[in-house]
Amino acid sequence: MLLGGWTEDGEAELSYKQARGAEAELMLMEAMERQVPVRGRVSRVVNGGVIVDVGIPAFLPASQLDLFRVKDLNCSAGPGSRGPCSGV
């Protein structure tokens, strides 16, 4: 993603992180409109839920992890989790 133009050396100012975030945001908006689950990787456990990487970090409440209460949230940290996209 082009940030602000060009540097003094004549090189474009680019940001991979912002480009990835913009692409992920578009994907999440489309998933929310179509009401389809998105896949992500649980990156860490936080108070009340987990942080899931779906292109950008997203909070997933513990109540949305399973139909029943999950006692140990560290068990949910795995290669792929699926869940609905409820808001961006």
N, C-alpha and C. Protein backbone atom coordinates (compact mmCIF):
# COMPACT_ATOMS: atom_id res chain seq x y z
N MET A 1 0.85 -1.16 0.00
CA MET A 1 0.00 0.00 0.00
C MET A 1 0.90 1.22 0.00
N LEU A 2 0.62 2.15 -0.86
CA LEU A 2 1.38 3.39 -0.96
C LEU A 2 0.96 4.30 0.18
N LEU A 3 1.94 4.73 0.99
CA LEU A 3 1.62 5.54 2.17
C LEU A 3 1.42 7.01 1.83
N GLY A 4 2.50 7.70 1.62
CA GLY A 4 2.36 9.13 1.45
C GLY A 4 3.07 9.67 0.25
N GLY A 5 3.46 8.83 -0.64
CA GLY A 5 4.13 9.32 -1.81
C GLY A 5 5.53 8.76 -1.93
N TRP A 6 6.50 9.65 -2.05
CA TRP A 6 7.87 9.26 -2.36
C TRP A 6 8.84 9.80 -1.32
N THR A 7 9.93 9.08 -1.10
CA THR A 7 10.97 9.53 -0.19
C THR A 7 11.88 10.50 -0.92
N GLU A 8 12.83 11.07 -0.18
CA GLU A 8 13.79 11.99 -0.80
C GLU A 8 14.68 11.28 -1.82
N ASP A 9 14.84 9.97 -1.67
CA ASP A 9 15.66 9.19 -2.59
C ASP A 9 14.90 8.79 -3.85
N GLY A 10 13.62 9.15 -3.94
CA GLY A 10 12.82 8.80 -5.10
C GLY A 10 12.16 7.45 -5.01
N GLU A 11 12.13 6.84 -3.83
CA GLU A 11 11.51 5.54 -3.63
C GLU A 11 10.11 5.72 -3.04
N ALA A 12 9.21 4.85 -3.42
CA ALA A 12 7.84 4.90 -2.91
C ALA A 12 7.81 4.44 -1.46
N GLU A 13 6.97 5.10 -0.65
CA GLU A 13 6.78 4.69 0.75
C GLU A 13 5.67 3.65 0.77
N LEU A 14 6.02 2.42 1.09
CA LEU A 14 5.07 1.31 1.07
C LEU A 14 4.92 0.71 2.46
N SER A 15 3.75 0.10 2.71
CA SER A 15 3.52 -0.57 3.99
C SER A 15 2.81 -1.90 3.74
N TYR A 16 3.53 -2.99 3.96
CA TYR A 16 2.94 -4.33 3.83
C TYR A 16 1.87 -4.54 4.89
N LYS A 17 2.13 -4.07 6.10
CA LYS A 17 1.21 -4.27 7.22
C LYS A 17 -0.13 -3.58 6.94
N GLN A 18 -0.09 -2.35 6.44
CA GLN A 18 -1.33 -1.64 6.14
C GLN A 18 -2.06 -2.26 4.95
N ALA A 19 -1.32 -2.75 3.97
CA ALA A 19 -1.95 -3.40 2.81
C ALA A 19 -2.65 -4.68 3.25
N ARG A 20 -2.00 -5.46 4.12
CA ARG A 20 -2.59 -6.70 4.62
C ARG A 20 -3.83 -6.39 5.44
N GLY A 21 -3.78 -5.33 6.24
CA GLY A 21 -4.94 -4.95 7.05
C GLY A 21 -6.11 -4.50 6.21
N ALA A 22 -5.85 -3.75 5.14
CA ALA A 22 -6.91 -3.28 4.25
C ALA A 22 -7.56 -4.46 3.53
N GLU A 23 -6.75 -5.41 3.09
CA GLU A 23 -7.26 -6.60 2.41
C GLU A 23 -8.11 -7.44 3.37
N ALA A 24 -7.64 -7.59 4.60
CA ALA A 24 -8.37 -8.37 5.60
C ALA A 24 -9.69 -7.70 5.95
N GLU A 25 -9.68 -6.38 6.03
CA GLU A 25 -10.91 -5.65 6.36
C GLU A 25 -11.96 -5.85 5.27
N LEU A 26 -11.55 -5.82 4.01
CA LEU A 26 -12.49 -6.06 2.91
C LEU A 26 -13.05 -7.48 2.97
N MET A 27 -12.19 -8.46 3.28
CA MET A 27 -12.62 -9.84 3.39
C MET A 27 -13.62 -10.01 4.54
N LEU A 28 -13.38 -9.34 5.67
CA LEU A 28 -14.27 -9.44 6.81
C LEU A 28 -15.62 -8.77 6.54
N MET A 29 -15.59 -7.65 5.84
CA MET A 29 -16.84 -6.95 5.49
C MET A 29 -17.70 -7.84 4.58
N GLU A 30 -17.05 -8.48 3.61
CA GLU A 30 -17.76 -9.37 2.69
C GLU A 30 -18.33 -10.57 3.44
N ALA A 31 -17.55 -11.14 4.35
CA ALA A 31 -18.01 -12.28 5.15
C ALA A 31 -19.19 -11.89 6.02
N MET A 32 -19.17 -10.69 6.58
CA MET A 32 -20.25 -10.23 7.42
C MET A 32 -21.53 -10.03 6.59
N GLU A 33 -21.39 -9.46 5.40
CA GLU A 33 -22.55 -9.24 4.54
C GLU A 33 -23.17 -10.56 4.09
N ARG A 34 -22.32 -11.55 3.76
CA ARG A 34 -22.79 -12.85 3.29
C ARG A 34 -23.11 -13.79 4.43
N GLN A 35 -22.78 -13.39 5.67
CA GLN A 35 -23.00 -14.17 6.89
C GLN A 35 -22.37 -15.56 6.79
N VAL A 36 -21.09 -15.57 6.41
CA VAL A 36 -20.34 -16.82 6.34
C VAL A 36 -19.26 -16.80 7.42
N PRO A 37 -18.89 -17.98 7.95
CA PRO A 37 -17.82 -18.04 8.96
C PRO A 37 -16.47 -17.69 8.34
N VAL A 38 -15.60 -17.16 9.16
CA VAL A 38 -14.24 -16.86 8.73
C VAL A 38 -13.29 -17.77 9.51
N ARG A 39 -12.15 -18.04 8.92
CA ARG A 39 -11.15 -18.91 9.54
C ARG A 39 -9.99 -18.05 10.03
N GLY A 40 -9.47 -18.38 11.21
CA GLY A 40 -8.35 -17.65 11.75
C GLY A 40 -7.51 -18.51 12.67
N ARG A 41 -6.39 -17.96 13.08
CA ARG A 41 -5.47 -18.67 13.98
C ARG A 41 -5.46 -17.96 15.33
N VAL A 42 -5.72 -18.72 16.38
CA VAL A 42 -5.69 -18.15 17.74
C VAL A 42 -4.25 -17.82 18.07
N SER A 43 -3.98 -16.54 18.31
CA SER A 43 -2.61 -16.13 18.57
C SER A 43 -2.30 -16.04 20.06
N ARG A 44 -3.28 -15.64 20.87
CA ARG A 44 -3.03 -15.61 22.30
C ARG A 44 -4.35 -15.53 23.07
N VAL A 45 -4.26 -15.89 24.34
CA VAL A 45 -5.41 -15.86 25.23
C VAL A 45 -5.37 -14.57 26.02
N VAL A 46 -6.51 -13.88 26.09
CA VAL A 46 -6.63 -12.66 26.87
C VAL A 46 -7.81 -12.81 27.82
N ASN A 47 -7.99 -11.85 28.68
CA ASN A 47 -9.07 -11.90 29.65
C ASN A 47 -10.42 -11.90 28.95
N GLY A 48 -11.17 -12.98 29.10
CA GLY A 48 -12.51 -13.06 28.54
C GLY A 48 -12.60 -13.64 27.14
N GLY A 49 -11.49 -14.02 26.56
CA GLY A 49 -11.54 -14.57 25.21
C GLY A 49 -10.15 -14.80 24.64
N VAL A 50 -10.07 -14.75 23.32
CA VAL A 50 -8.81 -14.97 22.63
C VAL A 50 -8.64 -13.94 21.52
N ILE A 51 -7.41 -13.72 21.11
CA ILE A 51 -7.10 -12.88 19.97
C ILE A 51 -6.87 -13.83 18.79
N VAL A 52 -7.62 -13.61 17.72
CA VAL A 52 -7.55 -14.46 16.53
C VAL A 52 -6.98 -13.64 15.39
N ASP A 53 -6.03 -14.21 14.66
CA ASP A 53 -5.45 -13.54 13.50
C ASP A 53 -6.23 -13.96 12.26
N VAL A 54 -7.00 -13.03 11.71
CA VAL A 54 -7.76 -13.27 10.48
C VAL A 54 -7.28 -12.32 9.39
N GLY A 55 -5.99 -12.05 9.42
CA GLY A 55 -5.40 -11.03 8.56
C GLY A 55 -5.08 -9.80 9.38
N ILE A 56 -5.93 -9.52 10.35
CA ILE A 56 -5.71 -8.49 11.36
C ILE A 56 -6.10 -9.12 12.70
N PRO A 57 -5.56 -8.64 13.81
CA PRO A 57 -5.95 -9.21 15.10
C PRO A 57 -7.42 -8.90 15.41
N ALA A 58 -8.16 -9.92 15.84
CA ALA A 58 -9.57 -9.76 16.17
C ALA A 58 -9.86 -10.46 17.50
N PHE A 59 -10.70 -9.85 18.32
CA PHE A 59 -11.08 -10.43 19.61
C PHE A 59 -12.26 -11.38 19.40
N LEU A 60 -12.14 -12.58 19.96
CA LEU A 60 -13.22 -13.56 19.94
C LEU A 60 -13.57 -13.87 21.39
N PRO A 61 -14.79 -13.50 21.83
CA PRO A 61 -15.17 -13.78 23.21
C PRO A 61 -15.21 -15.27 23.49
N ALA A 62 -14.90 -15.64 24.72
CA ALA A 62 -14.90 -17.05 25.12
C ALA A 62 -16.27 -17.67 24.92
N SER A 63 -17.33 -16.89 25.04
CA SER A 63 -18.68 -17.42 24.88
C SER A 63 -18.97 -17.83 23.44
N GLN A 64 -18.17 -17.37 22.48
CA GLN A 64 -18.37 -17.71 21.08
C GLN A 64 -17.48 -18.84 20.58
N LEU A 65 -16.63 -19.38 21.46
CA LEU A 65 -15.71 -20.44 21.06
C LEU A 65 -16.39 -21.78 20.85
N ASP A 66 -17.40 -22.10 21.65
CA ASP A 66 -18.04 -23.41 21.59
C ASP A 66 -19.47 -23.28 22.09
N LEU A 67 -20.25 -24.34 21.95
CA LEU A 67 -21.61 -24.34 22.47
C LEU A 67 -21.64 -24.39 23.98
N PHE A 68 -20.60 -25.00 24.57
CA PHE A 68 -20.51 -25.12 26.02
C PHE A 68 -19.34 -24.30 26.53
N ARG A 69 -19.35 -24.00 27.81
CA ARG A 69 -18.29 -23.19 28.42
C ARG A 69 -16.94 -23.89 28.27
N VAL A 70 -15.96 -23.13 27.81
CA VAL A 70 -14.60 -23.64 27.66
C VAL A 70 -13.84 -23.27 28.92
N LYS A 71 -13.41 -24.28 29.68
CA LYS A 71 -12.72 -24.01 30.94
C LYS A 71 -11.29 -23.54 30.72
N ASP A 72 -10.59 -24.17 29.80
CA ASP A 72 -9.19 -23.82 29.53
C ASP A 72 -9.09 -23.23 28.13
N LEU A 73 -8.98 -21.91 28.04
CA LEU A 73 -8.92 -21.25 26.74
C LEU A 73 -7.64 -21.57 25.98
N ASN A 74 -6.59 -22.01 26.68
CA ASN A 74 -5.35 -22.37 26.01
C ASN A 74 -5.54 -23.57 25.09
N CYS A 75 -6.54 -24.40 25.34
CA CYS A 75 -6.82 -25.55 24.48
C CYS A 75 -7.34 -25.12 23.12
N SER A 76 -7.91 -23.92 23.03
CA SER A 76 -8.46 -23.45 21.75
C SER A 76 -7.39 -22.90 20.83
N ALA A 77 -6.19 -22.72 21.34
CA ALA A 77 -5.10 -22.21 20.49
C ALA A 77 -4.63 -23.32 19.57
N GLY A 78 -5.06 -23.24 18.32
CA GLY A 78 -4.73 -24.30 17.38
C GLY A 78 -4.56 -23.74 15.99
N PRO A 79 -4.39 -24.63 15.01
CA PRO A 79 -4.12 -24.18 13.65
C PRO A 79 -5.26 -23.45 12.97
N GLY A 80 -6.50 -23.78 13.28
CA GLY A 80 -7.61 -23.10 12.60
C GLY A 80 -8.85 -23.10 13.44
N SER A 81 -9.49 -21.96 13.55
CA SER A 81 -10.75 -21.84 14.25
C SER A 81 -11.73 -21.19 13.30
N ARG A 82 -12.98 -21.58 13.40
CA ARG A 82 -14.00 -20.98 12.54
C ARG A 82 -15.02 -20.31 13.42
N GLY A 83 -15.57 -19.21 12.94
CA GLY A 83 -16.60 -18.53 13.70
C GLY A 83 -17.26 -17.47 12.84
N PRO A 84 -18.43 -17.00 13.28
CA PRO A 84 -19.14 -15.99 12.51
C PRO A 84 -18.48 -14.62 12.63
N CYS A 85 -18.63 -13.81 11.62
CA CYS A 85 -18.12 -12.43 11.65
C CYS A 85 -19.28 -11.55 12.05
N SER A 86 -19.25 -10.98 13.25
CA SER A 86 -20.38 -10.21 13.74
C SER A 86 -20.18 -8.71 13.66
N GLY A 87 -18.99 -8.23 13.34
CA GLY A 87 -18.76 -6.80 13.23
C GLY A 87 -17.33 -6.50 12.93
N VAL A 88 -17.13 -5.41 12.23
CA VAL A 88 -15.77 -5.01 11.85
C VAL A 88 -15.49 -3.68 12.51
